[in-house]
N, C-alpha and C. Protein backbone atom coordinates (compact mmCIF):
# COMPACT_ATOMS: atom_id res chain seq x y z
N MET A 1 3.51 20.37 8.45
CA MET A 1 3.60 19.99 9.87
C MET A 1 2.24 19.55 10.41
N SER A 2 1.17 20.18 9.96
CA SER A 2 -0.16 19.79 10.44
C SER A 2 -0.47 18.36 10.05
N HIS A 3 0.01 17.93 8.89
CA HIS A 3 -0.21 16.55 8.46
C HIS A 3 0.55 15.58 9.36
N TYR A 4 1.76 15.95 9.75
CA TYR A 4 2.54 15.11 10.66
C TYR A 4 1.84 14.99 12.01
N LEU A 5 1.34 16.10 12.52
CA LEU A 5 0.67 16.08 13.82
C LEU A 5 -0.60 15.24 13.78
N GLU A 6 -1.36 15.38 12.71
CA GLU A 6 -2.59 14.60 12.59
C GLU A 6 -2.26 13.11 12.42
N PHE A 7 -1.20 12.83 11.68
CA PHE A 7 -0.80 11.43 11.49
C PHE A 7 -0.43 10.81 12.84
N PHE A 8 0.34 11.55 13.65
CA PHE A 8 0.74 11.02 14.96
C PHE A 8 -0.47 10.84 15.86
N LYS A 9 -1.42 11.75 15.78
CA LYS A 9 -2.65 11.63 16.57
C LYS A 9 -3.40 10.37 16.19
N GLN A 10 -3.51 10.11 14.89
CA GLN A 10 -4.21 8.92 14.43
C GLN A 10 -3.43 7.65 14.78
N PHE A 11 -2.11 7.74 14.77
CA PHE A 11 -1.27 6.61 15.19
C PHE A 11 -1.59 6.22 16.63
N ARG A 12 -1.74 7.20 17.49
CA ARG A 12 -2.01 6.93 18.91
C ARG A 12 -3.38 6.32 19.12
N SER A 13 -4.36 6.73 18.33
CA SER A 13 -5.73 6.27 18.55
C SER A 13 -6.11 5.06 17.72
N THR A 14 -5.45 4.87 16.56
CA THR A 14 -5.79 3.75 15.68
C THR A 14 -4.52 3.08 15.18
N PHE A 15 -3.70 2.59 16.11
CA PHE A 15 -2.39 2.04 15.75
C PHE A 15 -2.50 0.88 14.77
N GLU A 16 -3.49 0.01 14.97
CA GLU A 16 -3.56 -1.20 14.15
C GLU A 16 -3.69 -0.88 12.67
N THR A 17 -4.46 0.17 12.34
CA THR A 17 -4.68 0.50 10.94
C THR A 17 -3.79 1.63 10.44
N THR A 18 -3.16 2.39 11.34
CA THR A 18 -2.23 3.44 10.93
C THR A 18 -0.82 2.89 10.81
N GLY A 19 -0.32 2.27 11.88
CA GLY A 19 0.89 1.47 11.80
C GLY A 19 2.21 2.22 11.72
N ALA A 20 2.21 3.55 11.75
CA ALA A 20 3.45 4.31 11.70
C ALA A 20 3.28 5.58 12.52
N ILE A 21 4.40 6.11 13.01
CA ILE A 21 4.33 7.32 13.82
C ILE A 21 4.43 8.59 12.99
N ALA A 22 4.81 8.45 11.70
CA ALA A 22 4.97 9.61 10.83
C ALA A 22 4.68 9.20 9.39
N PRO A 23 4.27 10.15 8.54
CA PRO A 23 4.07 9.84 7.13
C PRO A 23 5.36 9.36 6.47
N SER A 24 5.23 8.67 5.34
CA SER A 24 6.39 8.18 4.60
C SER A 24 7.26 9.35 4.14
N SER A 25 8.58 9.14 4.14
CA SER A 25 9.50 10.16 3.65
C SER A 25 9.37 10.29 2.13
N ARG A 26 9.90 11.37 1.59
CA ARG A 26 9.82 11.57 0.14
C ARG A 26 10.65 10.53 -0.59
N PHE A 27 11.67 9.98 0.07
CA PHE A 27 12.50 8.95 -0.55
C PHE A 27 11.72 7.64 -0.68
N LEU A 28 11.02 7.27 0.39
CA LEU A 28 10.18 6.08 0.33
C LEU A 28 9.05 6.29 -0.67
N ALA A 29 8.42 7.45 -0.63
CA ALA A 29 7.31 7.74 -1.53
C ALA A 29 7.76 7.68 -2.99
N SER A 30 8.95 8.18 -3.27
CA SER A 30 9.48 8.16 -4.63
C SER A 30 9.68 6.75 -5.14
N ASP A 31 10.20 5.87 -4.27
CA ASP A 31 10.39 4.47 -4.67
C ASP A 31 9.06 3.76 -4.87
N MET A 32 8.07 4.10 -4.04
CA MET A 32 6.76 3.47 -4.17
C MET A 32 6.12 3.80 -5.52
N ALA A 33 6.32 5.02 -5.99
CA ALA A 33 5.74 5.46 -7.26
C ALA A 33 6.64 5.18 -8.45
N GLY A 34 7.82 4.64 -8.19
CA GLY A 34 8.83 4.47 -9.23
C GLY A 34 8.41 3.67 -10.45
N PRO A 35 7.77 2.50 -10.30
CA PRO A 35 7.48 1.67 -11.48
C PRO A 35 6.64 2.35 -12.55
N MET A 36 5.79 3.31 -12.18
CA MET A 36 4.90 3.90 -13.17
C MET A 36 5.57 4.99 -14.01
N ARG A 37 6.81 5.35 -13.67
CA ARG A 37 7.45 6.47 -14.38
C ARG A 37 7.72 6.17 -15.85
N GLN A 38 7.93 4.92 -16.19
CA GLN A 38 8.27 4.57 -17.57
C GLN A 38 7.05 4.11 -18.38
N HIS A 39 5.87 4.26 -17.80
CA HIS A 39 4.67 3.76 -18.47
C HIS A 39 4.37 4.59 -19.72
N GLN A 40 3.97 3.88 -20.78
CA GLN A 40 3.57 4.54 -22.02
C GLN A 40 2.06 4.40 -22.20
N GLY A 41 1.39 5.52 -22.47
CA GLY A 41 -0.04 5.49 -22.69
C GLY A 41 -0.83 5.67 -21.41
N PRO A 42 -2.17 5.74 -21.50
CA PRO A 42 -3.02 5.93 -20.31
C PRO A 42 -2.84 4.79 -19.31
N LYS A 43 -2.93 5.13 -18.05
CA LYS A 43 -2.77 4.12 -17.01
C LYS A 43 -3.81 4.30 -15.92
N GLN A 44 -4.14 3.19 -15.27
CA GLN A 44 -5.05 3.17 -14.13
C GLN A 44 -4.22 2.90 -12.88
N VAL A 45 -4.33 3.79 -11.89
CA VAL A 45 -3.51 3.70 -10.67
C VAL A 45 -4.43 3.64 -9.45
N LEU A 46 -4.11 2.72 -8.54
CA LEU A 46 -4.85 2.61 -7.28
C LEU A 46 -3.87 2.74 -6.12
N GLU A 47 -4.15 3.69 -5.22
CA GLU A 47 -3.37 3.78 -3.98
C GLU A 47 -4.25 3.34 -2.82
N ILE A 48 -3.70 2.45 -2.00
CA ILE A 48 -4.44 1.88 -0.88
C ILE A 48 -3.79 2.34 0.42
N GLY A 49 -4.58 2.92 1.31
CA GLY A 49 -4.04 3.42 2.57
C GLY A 49 -3.14 4.63 2.38
N PRO A 50 -3.60 5.66 1.66
CA PRO A 50 -2.75 6.83 1.40
C PRO A 50 -2.47 7.70 2.62
N GLY A 51 -3.25 7.55 3.70
CA GLY A 51 -3.02 8.38 4.88
C GLY A 51 -3.23 9.85 4.57
N THR A 52 -2.25 10.68 4.90
CA THR A 52 -2.36 12.12 4.65
C THR A 52 -1.86 12.52 3.26
N GLY A 53 -1.38 11.53 2.48
CA GLY A 53 -1.01 11.83 1.10
C GLY A 53 0.46 11.99 0.82
N ALA A 54 1.34 11.46 1.68
CA ALA A 54 2.78 11.60 1.45
C ALA A 54 3.21 10.88 0.17
N VAL A 55 2.73 9.65 -0.02
CA VAL A 55 3.04 8.92 -1.24
C VAL A 55 2.20 9.44 -2.39
N THR A 56 0.97 9.83 -2.09
CA THR A 56 0.08 10.38 -3.12
C THR A 56 0.73 11.55 -3.84
N ARG A 57 1.47 12.35 -3.10
CA ARG A 57 2.13 13.52 -3.70
C ARG A 57 3.08 13.12 -4.82
N GLN A 58 3.77 11.99 -4.64
CA GLN A 58 4.67 11.51 -5.69
C GLN A 58 3.88 10.87 -6.83
N ILE A 59 2.80 10.19 -6.51
CA ILE A 59 1.97 9.58 -7.55
C ILE A 59 1.34 10.66 -8.43
N VAL A 60 0.87 11.73 -7.79
CA VAL A 60 0.23 12.83 -8.52
C VAL A 60 1.14 13.35 -9.63
N LYS A 61 2.44 13.38 -9.37
CA LYS A 61 3.39 13.88 -10.37
C LYS A 61 3.44 12.99 -11.61
N GLN A 62 3.01 11.74 -11.47
CA GLN A 62 3.08 10.79 -12.59
C GLN A 62 1.76 10.67 -13.34
N ILE A 63 0.72 11.36 -12.88
CA ILE A 63 -0.58 11.26 -13.53
C ILE A 63 -0.63 12.20 -14.73
N GLN A 64 -0.90 11.62 -15.90
CA GLN A 64 -0.95 12.35 -17.16
C GLN A 64 -2.39 12.42 -17.66
N PRO A 65 -2.66 13.29 -18.66
CA PRO A 65 -4.00 13.31 -19.25
C PRO A 65 -4.40 11.92 -19.74
N GLY A 66 -5.62 11.53 -19.41
CA GLY A 66 -6.10 10.21 -19.79
C GLY A 66 -5.91 9.16 -18.73
N ASP A 67 -5.14 9.46 -17.68
CA ASP A 67 -4.94 8.52 -16.57
C ASP A 67 -6.10 8.61 -15.58
N GLN A 68 -6.22 7.59 -14.72
CA GLN A 68 -7.18 7.58 -13.63
C GLN A 68 -6.49 7.19 -12.34
N LEU A 69 -6.74 7.96 -11.27
CA LEU A 69 -6.18 7.66 -9.95
C LEU A 69 -7.33 7.44 -8.97
N ASP A 70 -7.34 6.27 -8.33
CA ASP A 70 -8.30 5.98 -7.27
C ASP A 70 -7.54 5.78 -5.97
N LEU A 71 -8.14 6.28 -4.88
CA LEU A 71 -7.55 6.13 -3.56
C LEU A 71 -8.56 5.47 -2.63
N VAL A 72 -8.12 4.45 -1.90
CA VAL A 72 -8.97 3.75 -0.94
C VAL A 72 -8.37 3.95 0.45
N GLU A 73 -9.11 4.63 1.32
CA GLU A 73 -8.65 4.95 2.67
C GLU A 73 -9.75 4.68 3.68
N LEU A 74 -9.40 3.93 4.73
CA LEU A 74 -10.38 3.55 5.76
C LEU A 74 -10.60 4.65 6.79
N ASN A 75 -9.55 5.40 7.13
CA ASN A 75 -9.61 6.40 8.19
C ASN A 75 -10.32 7.67 7.70
N GLU A 76 -11.43 8.01 8.36
CA GLU A 76 -12.25 9.14 7.90
C GLU A 76 -11.52 10.47 7.99
N LYS A 77 -10.68 10.65 9.01
CA LYS A 77 -9.93 11.90 9.14
C LYS A 77 -8.94 12.05 8.01
N PHE A 78 -8.28 10.96 7.65
CA PHE A 78 -7.35 11.01 6.52
C PHE A 78 -8.08 11.31 5.21
N VAL A 79 -9.27 10.75 5.06
CA VAL A 79 -10.08 11.04 3.86
C VAL A 79 -10.39 12.53 3.78
N GLU A 80 -10.71 13.12 4.90
CA GLU A 80 -10.99 14.56 4.95
C GLU A 80 -9.76 15.37 4.51
N ILE A 81 -8.58 14.98 5.01
CA ILE A 81 -7.34 15.67 4.64
C ILE A 81 -7.07 15.52 3.15
N LEU A 82 -7.27 14.32 2.61
CA LEU A 82 -7.04 14.08 1.18
C LEU A 82 -7.95 14.96 0.33
N HIS A 83 -9.21 15.06 0.70
CA HIS A 83 -10.13 15.94 -0.05
C HIS A 83 -9.65 17.39 0.00
N GLN A 84 -9.17 17.82 1.15
CA GLN A 84 -8.65 19.18 1.27
C GLN A 84 -7.46 19.41 0.36
N ARG A 85 -6.59 18.42 0.28
CA ARG A 85 -5.40 18.58 -0.56
C ARG A 85 -5.78 18.68 -2.04
N PHE A 86 -6.72 17.84 -2.48
CA PHE A 86 -7.15 17.90 -3.88
C PHE A 86 -7.96 19.15 -4.18
N ASP A 87 -8.54 19.76 -3.15
CA ASP A 87 -9.28 21.01 -3.33
C ASP A 87 -8.37 22.23 -3.38
N LYS A 88 -7.23 22.18 -2.64
CA LYS A 88 -6.48 23.41 -2.39
C LYS A 88 -5.03 23.41 -2.90
N GLU A 89 -4.40 22.26 -3.02
CA GLU A 89 -2.97 22.24 -3.33
C GLU A 89 -2.71 22.12 -4.82
N LYS A 90 -1.78 22.94 -5.29
CA LYS A 90 -1.38 22.87 -6.69
C LYS A 90 -0.80 21.49 -6.97
N GLY A 91 -1.02 20.98 -8.13
CA GLY A 91 -0.60 19.62 -8.44
C GLY A 91 -1.73 18.66 -8.16
N PHE A 92 -2.18 18.63 -6.92
CA PHE A 92 -3.34 17.85 -6.56
C PHE A 92 -4.58 18.39 -7.29
N GLN A 93 -4.75 19.72 -7.26
CA GLN A 93 -5.91 20.34 -7.90
C GLN A 93 -5.97 20.01 -9.39
N GLU A 94 -4.81 19.99 -10.02
CA GLU A 94 -4.76 19.82 -11.47
C GLU A 94 -5.28 18.47 -11.94
N ILE A 95 -5.24 17.46 -11.07
CA ILE A 95 -5.72 16.14 -11.48
C ILE A 95 -6.96 15.70 -10.69
N LYS A 96 -7.58 16.64 -10.01
CA LYS A 96 -8.76 16.30 -9.20
C LYS A 96 -9.84 15.63 -10.05
N HIS A 97 -10.04 16.11 -11.27
CA HIS A 97 -11.08 15.54 -12.14
C HIS A 97 -10.75 14.13 -12.60
N GLN A 98 -9.50 13.69 -12.38
CA GLN A 98 -9.09 12.34 -12.75
C GLN A 98 -8.98 11.42 -11.53
N THR A 99 -9.45 11.91 -10.38
CA THR A 99 -9.22 11.22 -9.11
C THR A 99 -10.53 10.94 -8.38
N SER A 100 -10.61 9.77 -7.75
CA SER A 100 -11.73 9.42 -6.88
C SER A 100 -11.19 8.90 -5.56
N ILE A 101 -11.79 9.34 -4.45
CA ILE A 101 -11.39 8.90 -3.12
C ILE A 101 -12.52 8.06 -2.54
N HIS A 102 -12.17 6.87 -2.05
CA HIS A 102 -13.16 5.92 -1.54
C HIS A 102 -12.87 5.63 -0.08
N ASN A 103 -13.85 5.86 0.79
CA ASN A 103 -13.71 5.65 2.23
C ASN A 103 -14.29 4.27 2.58
N CYS A 104 -13.44 3.24 2.49
CA CYS A 104 -13.90 1.87 2.75
C CYS A 104 -12.71 0.95 2.92
N PRO A 105 -12.92 -0.25 3.49
CA PRO A 105 -11.85 -1.24 3.52
C PRO A 105 -11.55 -1.74 2.11
N LEU A 106 -10.32 -2.12 1.85
CA LEU A 106 -9.94 -2.62 0.53
C LEU A 106 -10.79 -3.82 0.13
N GLN A 107 -11.08 -4.72 1.07
CA GLN A 107 -11.82 -5.93 0.75
C GLN A 107 -13.22 -5.63 0.23
N ASP A 108 -13.76 -4.45 0.60
CA ASP A 108 -15.11 -4.06 0.17
C ASP A 108 -15.10 -3.22 -1.10
N TYR A 109 -13.91 -2.94 -1.61
CA TYR A 109 -13.81 -2.05 -2.77
C TYR A 109 -14.04 -2.84 -4.05
N GLY A 110 -15.09 -2.51 -4.75
CA GLY A 110 -15.38 -3.15 -6.03
C GLY A 110 -15.25 -2.14 -7.14
N ALA A 111 -14.12 -2.10 -7.78
CA ALA A 111 -13.83 -1.06 -8.76
C ALA A 111 -14.50 -1.33 -10.10
N GLY A 112 -14.74 -2.60 -10.43
CA GLY A 112 -15.26 -2.90 -11.75
C GLY A 112 -14.21 -2.75 -12.83
N GLN A 113 -12.95 -2.63 -12.44
CA GLN A 113 -11.86 -2.50 -13.39
C GLN A 113 -10.58 -3.02 -12.76
N GLU A 114 -9.54 -3.17 -13.58
CA GLU A 114 -8.25 -3.61 -13.09
C GLU A 114 -7.24 -2.47 -13.27
N TYR A 115 -6.16 -2.54 -12.51
CA TYR A 115 -5.20 -1.44 -12.45
C TYR A 115 -3.82 -1.85 -12.98
N ASP A 116 -3.19 -0.88 -13.63
CA ASP A 116 -1.81 -1.08 -14.08
C ASP A 116 -0.84 -1.03 -12.90
N TYR A 117 -1.16 -0.19 -11.91
CA TYR A 117 -0.28 -0.02 -10.75
C TYR A 117 -1.13 0.06 -9.49
N ILE A 118 -0.73 -0.70 -8.49
CA ILE A 118 -1.32 -0.61 -7.16
C ILE A 118 -0.21 -0.27 -6.19
N VAL A 119 -0.41 0.79 -5.42
CA VAL A 119 0.57 1.24 -4.42
C VAL A 119 -0.11 1.15 -3.06
N SER A 120 0.46 0.36 -2.15
CA SER A 120 -0.20 0.10 -0.87
C SER A 120 0.66 0.54 0.31
N GLY A 121 0.04 1.29 1.21
CA GLY A 121 0.69 1.70 2.45
C GLY A 121 0.10 1.01 3.66
N LEU A 122 -0.60 -0.10 3.48
CA LEU A 122 -1.24 -0.78 4.60
C LEU A 122 -0.20 -1.42 5.52
N PRO A 123 -0.38 -1.30 6.84
CA PRO A 123 0.57 -1.89 7.80
C PRO A 123 0.26 -3.37 8.02
N LEU A 124 0.64 -4.21 7.07
CA LEU A 124 0.22 -5.60 7.05
C LEU A 124 0.66 -6.38 8.29
N ASN A 125 1.81 -6.03 8.85
CA ASN A 125 2.30 -6.76 10.02
C ASN A 125 1.43 -6.56 11.26
N ASN A 126 0.53 -5.58 11.23
CA ASN A 126 -0.36 -5.32 12.37
C ASN A 126 -1.66 -6.10 12.30
N PHE A 127 -1.94 -6.72 11.15
CA PHE A 127 -3.27 -7.26 10.91
C PHE A 127 -3.38 -8.74 11.29
N PRO A 128 -4.61 -9.22 11.54
CA PRO A 128 -4.82 -10.67 11.71
C PRO A 128 -4.43 -11.42 10.44
N THR A 129 -4.04 -12.66 10.61
CA THR A 129 -3.58 -13.47 9.49
C THR A 129 -4.63 -13.54 8.38
N GLU A 130 -5.88 -13.78 8.75
CA GLU A 130 -6.93 -13.92 7.75
C GLU A 130 -7.09 -12.66 6.92
N LEU A 131 -6.94 -11.51 7.57
CA LEU A 131 -7.08 -10.24 6.86
C LEU A 131 -5.93 -10.03 5.88
N VAL A 132 -4.73 -10.40 6.26
CA VAL A 132 -3.59 -10.28 5.34
C VAL A 132 -3.84 -11.13 4.09
N GLY A 133 -4.35 -12.35 4.29
CA GLY A 133 -4.68 -13.20 3.14
C GLY A 133 -5.73 -12.57 2.26
N GLU A 134 -6.76 -11.97 2.85
CA GLU A 134 -7.82 -11.31 2.09
C GLU A 134 -7.28 -10.11 1.31
N ILE A 135 -6.37 -9.38 1.93
CA ILE A 135 -5.81 -8.19 1.28
C ILE A 135 -4.99 -8.58 0.06
N PHE A 136 -4.17 -9.62 0.18
CA PHE A 136 -3.38 -10.04 -0.98
C PHE A 136 -4.27 -10.58 -2.09
N LYS A 137 -5.34 -11.27 -1.74
CA LYS A 137 -6.30 -11.68 -2.76
C LYS A 137 -6.87 -10.46 -3.47
N ALA A 138 -7.21 -9.42 -2.70
CA ALA A 138 -7.77 -8.20 -3.29
C ALA A 138 -6.75 -7.51 -4.18
N TYR A 139 -5.47 -7.45 -3.74
CA TYR A 139 -4.42 -6.88 -4.59
C TYR A 139 -4.45 -7.51 -5.98
N PHE A 140 -4.42 -8.85 -6.00
CA PHE A 140 -4.30 -9.54 -7.28
C PHE A 140 -5.62 -9.61 -8.04
N ARG A 141 -6.73 -9.48 -7.35
CA ARG A 141 -8.02 -9.34 -8.03
C ARG A 141 -8.08 -8.03 -8.79
N LEU A 142 -7.51 -6.99 -8.23
CA LEU A 142 -7.60 -5.65 -8.81
C LEU A 142 -6.47 -5.33 -9.78
N LEU A 143 -5.44 -6.15 -9.82
CA LEU A 143 -4.27 -5.88 -10.64
C LEU A 143 -4.44 -6.49 -12.04
N LYS A 144 -4.13 -5.71 -13.06
CA LYS A 144 -4.15 -6.23 -14.42
C LYS A 144 -3.05 -7.27 -14.62
N PRO A 145 -3.24 -8.22 -15.52
CA PRO A 145 -2.12 -9.08 -15.92
C PRO A 145 -0.97 -8.20 -16.45
N GLY A 146 0.20 -8.38 -15.89
CA GLY A 146 1.34 -7.52 -16.22
C GLY A 146 1.45 -6.29 -15.34
N GLY A 147 0.44 -6.05 -14.51
CA GLY A 147 0.45 -4.89 -13.62
C GLY A 147 1.39 -5.09 -12.44
N VAL A 148 1.75 -3.99 -11.78
CA VAL A 148 2.74 -4.01 -10.70
C VAL A 148 2.12 -3.54 -9.39
N LEU A 149 2.34 -4.33 -8.35
CA LEU A 149 1.98 -3.98 -6.98
C LEU A 149 3.23 -3.53 -6.23
N SER A 150 3.18 -2.37 -5.58
CA SER A 150 4.30 -1.88 -4.77
C SER A 150 3.80 -1.63 -3.35
N TYR A 151 4.48 -2.21 -2.37
CA TYR A 151 4.12 -1.99 -0.98
C TYR A 151 5.40 -1.96 -0.15
N PHE A 152 5.32 -1.41 1.06
CA PHE A 152 6.51 -1.33 1.90
C PHE A 152 6.26 -1.99 3.25
N GLU A 153 7.34 -2.34 3.88
CA GLU A 153 7.31 -2.78 5.27
C GLU A 153 8.60 -2.34 5.93
N TYR A 154 8.53 -2.08 7.22
CA TYR A 154 9.71 -1.60 7.94
C TYR A 154 10.73 -2.72 8.10
N MET A 155 11.98 -2.36 7.90
CA MET A 155 13.06 -3.35 7.89
C MET A 155 13.12 -4.15 9.20
N TYR A 156 13.22 -5.45 9.05
CA TYR A 156 13.50 -6.39 10.14
C TYR A 156 12.41 -6.47 11.21
N VAL A 157 11.26 -5.83 10.99
CA VAL A 157 10.21 -5.88 12.01
C VAL A 157 9.72 -7.30 12.20
N ARG A 158 9.36 -7.96 11.09
CA ARG A 158 8.86 -9.32 11.23
C ARG A 158 9.91 -10.31 11.73
N PRO A 159 11.13 -10.28 11.19
CA PRO A 159 12.15 -11.19 11.73
C PRO A 159 12.38 -11.03 13.23
N VAL A 160 12.40 -9.78 13.72
CA VAL A 160 12.61 -9.54 15.14
C VAL A 160 11.41 -10.02 15.94
N ARG A 161 10.20 -9.71 15.47
CA ARG A 161 9.00 -10.12 16.20
C ARG A 161 8.84 -11.64 16.23
N LYS A 162 9.34 -12.32 15.19
CA LYS A 162 9.31 -13.78 15.19
C LYS A 162 10.17 -14.35 16.32
N VAL A 163 11.23 -13.63 16.66
CA VAL A 163 12.16 -14.10 17.69
C VAL A 163 11.64 -13.75 19.09
N ILE A 164 11.13 -12.54 19.27
CA ILE A 164 10.82 -12.08 20.63
C ILE A 164 9.38 -12.33 21.05
N SER A 165 8.47 -12.58 20.09
CA SER A 165 7.07 -12.79 20.46
C SER A 165 6.84 -14.23 20.90
N ARG A 166 5.74 -14.44 21.59
CA ARG A 166 5.41 -15.75 22.11
C ARG A 166 3.93 -16.08 21.86
N GLY A 167 3.59 -17.36 21.94
CA GLY A 167 2.21 -17.79 21.90
C GLY A 167 1.49 -17.42 20.60
N GLU A 168 0.26 -16.92 20.74
CA GLU A 168 -0.57 -16.61 19.59
C GLU A 168 0.04 -15.52 18.71
N GLU A 169 0.71 -14.55 19.35
CA GLU A 169 1.34 -13.48 18.56
C GLU A 169 2.45 -14.04 17.69
N ASN A 170 3.24 -14.95 18.22
CA ASN A 170 4.30 -15.57 17.44
C ASN A 170 3.73 -16.35 16.27
N GLN A 171 2.64 -17.08 16.52
CA GLN A 171 1.99 -17.83 15.46
C GLN A 171 1.45 -16.90 14.38
N ARG A 172 0.85 -15.78 14.80
CA ARG A 172 0.31 -14.81 13.83
C ARG A 172 1.40 -14.27 12.93
N ILE A 173 2.52 -13.85 13.53
CA ILE A 173 3.62 -13.29 12.76
C ILE A 173 4.19 -14.32 11.78
N ARG A 174 4.33 -15.55 12.22
CA ARG A 174 4.88 -16.59 11.36
C ARG A 174 3.93 -16.91 10.20
N GLN A 175 2.64 -16.88 10.44
CA GLN A 175 1.68 -17.12 9.38
C GLN A 175 1.70 -15.99 8.35
N ILE A 176 1.78 -14.74 8.84
CA ILE A 176 1.88 -13.59 7.93
C ILE A 176 3.17 -13.68 7.11
N ASP A 177 4.25 -14.05 7.76
CA ASP A 177 5.54 -14.21 7.08
C ASP A 177 5.43 -15.24 5.96
N SER A 178 4.73 -16.34 6.22
CA SER A 178 4.56 -17.39 5.22
C SER A 178 3.75 -16.91 4.03
N ILE A 179 2.65 -16.19 4.30
CA ILE A 179 1.82 -15.65 3.22
C ILE A 179 2.63 -14.71 2.34
N MET A 180 3.31 -13.75 2.97
CA MET A 180 4.03 -12.74 2.20
C MET A 180 5.23 -13.34 1.48
N ALA A 181 5.89 -14.30 2.10
CA ALA A 181 7.04 -14.95 1.45
C ALA A 181 6.60 -15.70 0.20
N ASN A 182 5.44 -16.34 0.25
CA ASN A 182 4.94 -17.05 -0.93
C ASN A 182 4.71 -16.10 -2.10
N TYR A 183 4.12 -14.95 -1.80
CA TYR A 183 3.85 -13.97 -2.86
C TYR A 183 5.14 -13.35 -3.39
N THR A 184 6.05 -12.99 -2.52
CA THR A 184 7.30 -12.38 -3.01
C THR A 184 8.12 -13.40 -3.80
N ARG A 185 8.13 -14.64 -3.37
CA ARG A 185 8.87 -15.68 -4.09
C ARG A 185 8.30 -15.88 -5.50
N GLU A 186 6.98 -15.78 -5.63
CA GLU A 186 6.33 -16.04 -6.91
C GLU A 186 6.33 -14.84 -7.85
N TYR A 187 6.18 -13.62 -7.30
CA TYR A 187 5.90 -12.47 -8.15
C TYR A 187 6.90 -11.30 -8.03
N ARG A 188 7.82 -11.35 -7.09
CA ARG A 188 8.69 -10.18 -6.87
C ARG A 188 9.62 -9.93 -8.06
N ILE A 189 9.70 -8.67 -8.46
CA ILE A 189 10.62 -8.27 -9.53
C ILE A 189 11.72 -7.35 -9.03
N GLN A 190 11.53 -6.74 -7.84
CA GLN A 190 12.54 -5.81 -7.32
C GLN A 190 12.26 -5.50 -5.86
N THR A 191 13.34 -5.28 -5.09
CA THR A 191 13.24 -4.78 -3.73
C THR A 191 14.11 -3.53 -3.60
N ASP A 192 13.55 -2.45 -3.08
CA ASP A 192 14.30 -1.22 -2.82
C ASP A 192 14.53 -1.09 -1.32
N TRP A 193 15.74 -0.69 -0.95
CA TRP A 193 16.09 -0.43 0.45
C TRP A 193 16.07 1.08 0.66
N VAL A 194 15.24 1.54 1.58
CA VAL A 194 15.10 2.98 1.83
C VAL A 194 15.54 3.26 3.26
N TRP A 195 16.74 3.80 3.40
CA TRP A 195 17.28 4.10 4.73
C TRP A 195 16.78 5.42 5.27
N LEU A 196 16.49 6.37 4.36
CA LEU A 196 16.05 7.70 4.80
C LEU A 196 14.54 7.72 4.97
N ASN A 197 14.11 7.02 5.99
CA ASN A 197 12.70 6.96 6.37
C ASN A 197 12.65 6.64 7.85
N LEU A 198 11.52 6.94 8.50
CA LEU A 198 11.37 6.68 9.93
C LEU A 198 10.24 5.69 10.16
N PRO A 199 10.61 4.40 10.47
CA PRO A 199 11.95 3.81 10.41
C PRO A 199 12.31 3.42 8.97
N PRO A 200 13.57 2.97 8.74
CA PRO A 200 13.96 2.50 7.39
C PRO A 200 13.05 1.39 6.91
N ALA A 201 12.91 1.28 5.59
CA ALA A 201 11.91 0.37 5.04
C ALA A 201 12.41 -0.34 3.78
N TRP A 202 11.79 -1.48 3.50
CA TRP A 202 11.93 -2.14 2.21
C TRP A 202 10.69 -1.83 1.39
N VAL A 203 10.88 -1.60 0.09
CA VAL A 203 9.76 -1.50 -0.84
C VAL A 203 9.81 -2.73 -1.74
N GLN A 204 8.71 -3.50 -1.73
CA GLN A 204 8.61 -4.69 -2.55
C GLN A 204 7.77 -4.38 -3.78
N HIS A 205 8.28 -4.78 -4.96
CA HIS A 205 7.55 -4.61 -6.22
C HIS A 205 7.23 -6.00 -6.77
N LEU A 206 5.94 -6.31 -6.90
CA LEU A 206 5.49 -7.59 -7.41
C LEU A 206 4.73 -7.37 -8.71
N GLN A 207 4.94 -8.27 -9.66
CA GLN A 207 4.26 -8.15 -10.95
C GLN A 207 3.38 -9.37 -11.21
N LYS A 208 2.13 -9.10 -11.53
CA LYS A 208 1.19 -10.17 -11.85
C LYS A 208 1.45 -10.67 -13.26
N GLU A 209 1.83 -11.92 -13.38
CA GLU A 209 2.11 -12.47 -14.69
C GLU A 209 0.82 -12.64 -15.48
N LYS A 210 0.92 -12.50 -16.79
CA LYS A 210 -0.24 -12.68 -17.64
C LYS A 210 -0.70 -14.13 -17.58
N GLY A 211 -1.99 -14.31 -17.29
CA GLY A 211 -2.54 -15.65 -17.21
C GLY A 211 -2.33 -16.34 -15.88
N SER A 212 -1.70 -15.63 -14.91
CA SER A 212 -1.45 -16.25 -13.61
C SER A 212 -2.67 -16.11 -12.70
N ALA A 213 -2.77 -17.02 -11.75
CA ALA A 213 -3.83 -16.98 -10.75
C ALA A 213 -3.23 -16.69 -9.40
N PRO A 214 -3.92 -15.95 -8.51
CA PRO A 214 -3.40 -15.68 -7.17
C PRO A 214 -3.12 -16.96 -6.41
N LEU A 215 -2.13 -16.91 -5.55
CA LEU A 215 -1.80 -18.05 -4.72
C LEU A 215 -2.90 -18.33 -3.71
N VAL A 216 -2.94 -19.53 -3.21
CA VAL A 216 -3.89 -19.89 -2.16
C VAL A 216 -3.21 -19.65 -0.82
N GLU A 217 -3.50 -18.50 -0.20
CA GLU A 217 -2.80 -18.09 1.01
C GLU A 217 -3.11 -19.00 2.19
N GLU A 218 -4.32 -19.57 2.21
CA GLU A 218 -4.72 -20.39 3.35
C GLU A 218 -3.78 -21.58 3.54
N GLN A 219 -3.28 -22.14 2.44
CA GLN A 219 -2.37 -23.27 2.54
C GLN A 219 -1.07 -22.84 3.20
N ALA A 220 -0.57 -21.66 2.84
CA ALA A 220 0.65 -21.16 3.44
C ALA A 220 0.44 -20.86 4.91
N ALA A 221 -0.73 -20.29 5.25
CA ALA A 221 -0.98 -19.90 6.63
C ALA A 221 -1.15 -21.10 7.55
N SER A 222 -1.51 -22.25 6.98
CA SER A 222 -1.74 -23.41 7.82
C SER A 222 -0.50 -24.20 8.13
N LYS A 223 0.61 -23.85 7.47
CA LYS A 223 1.85 -24.59 7.68
C LYS A 223 2.48 -24.25 9.03
């Protein structure tokens, strides 16, 4: 409950980067971590925007000896909570030596390695168009060829906002829609519908093809 209260507090004060009124449900979290369950051998996992660790809890269950888990979180309060969980909670404690928490924007994160799985909880629909383009570039920069990116968005938020918004906000939403549609059209391998979440959400799973290059988002955004 303390995590829920802190999440709501951060939602009120930092809506643009928090983007939700409550942590992800266990059903959404399970789908986000789903692709890594069948992995054979050591794996490198990156979670972006873990918040208070609702999705992290499901990822932790999939971390085996020899794996590496990195977390990138911008909100300092959430970083503090994550450190507490890895210090005190069973399951989290067991893989603490395989985990690193980084307090920085994704665009500034230089891992020096690529990841088999990237799980992102960033509220992309809240961001400026240019930032969304930069984030998708970072996703594919950090993803191994054949690696899988999993992220969620709340159902019908963008379609509704495209209809009801006006002026610059309408243009922003349409540009974000174009960027994300280009990536899903090119790389999507699966979409999960999660009704038991507040609010209900889609989970998109994208796979970076071997030898593929990231799309040029600026062209999509200018249309």
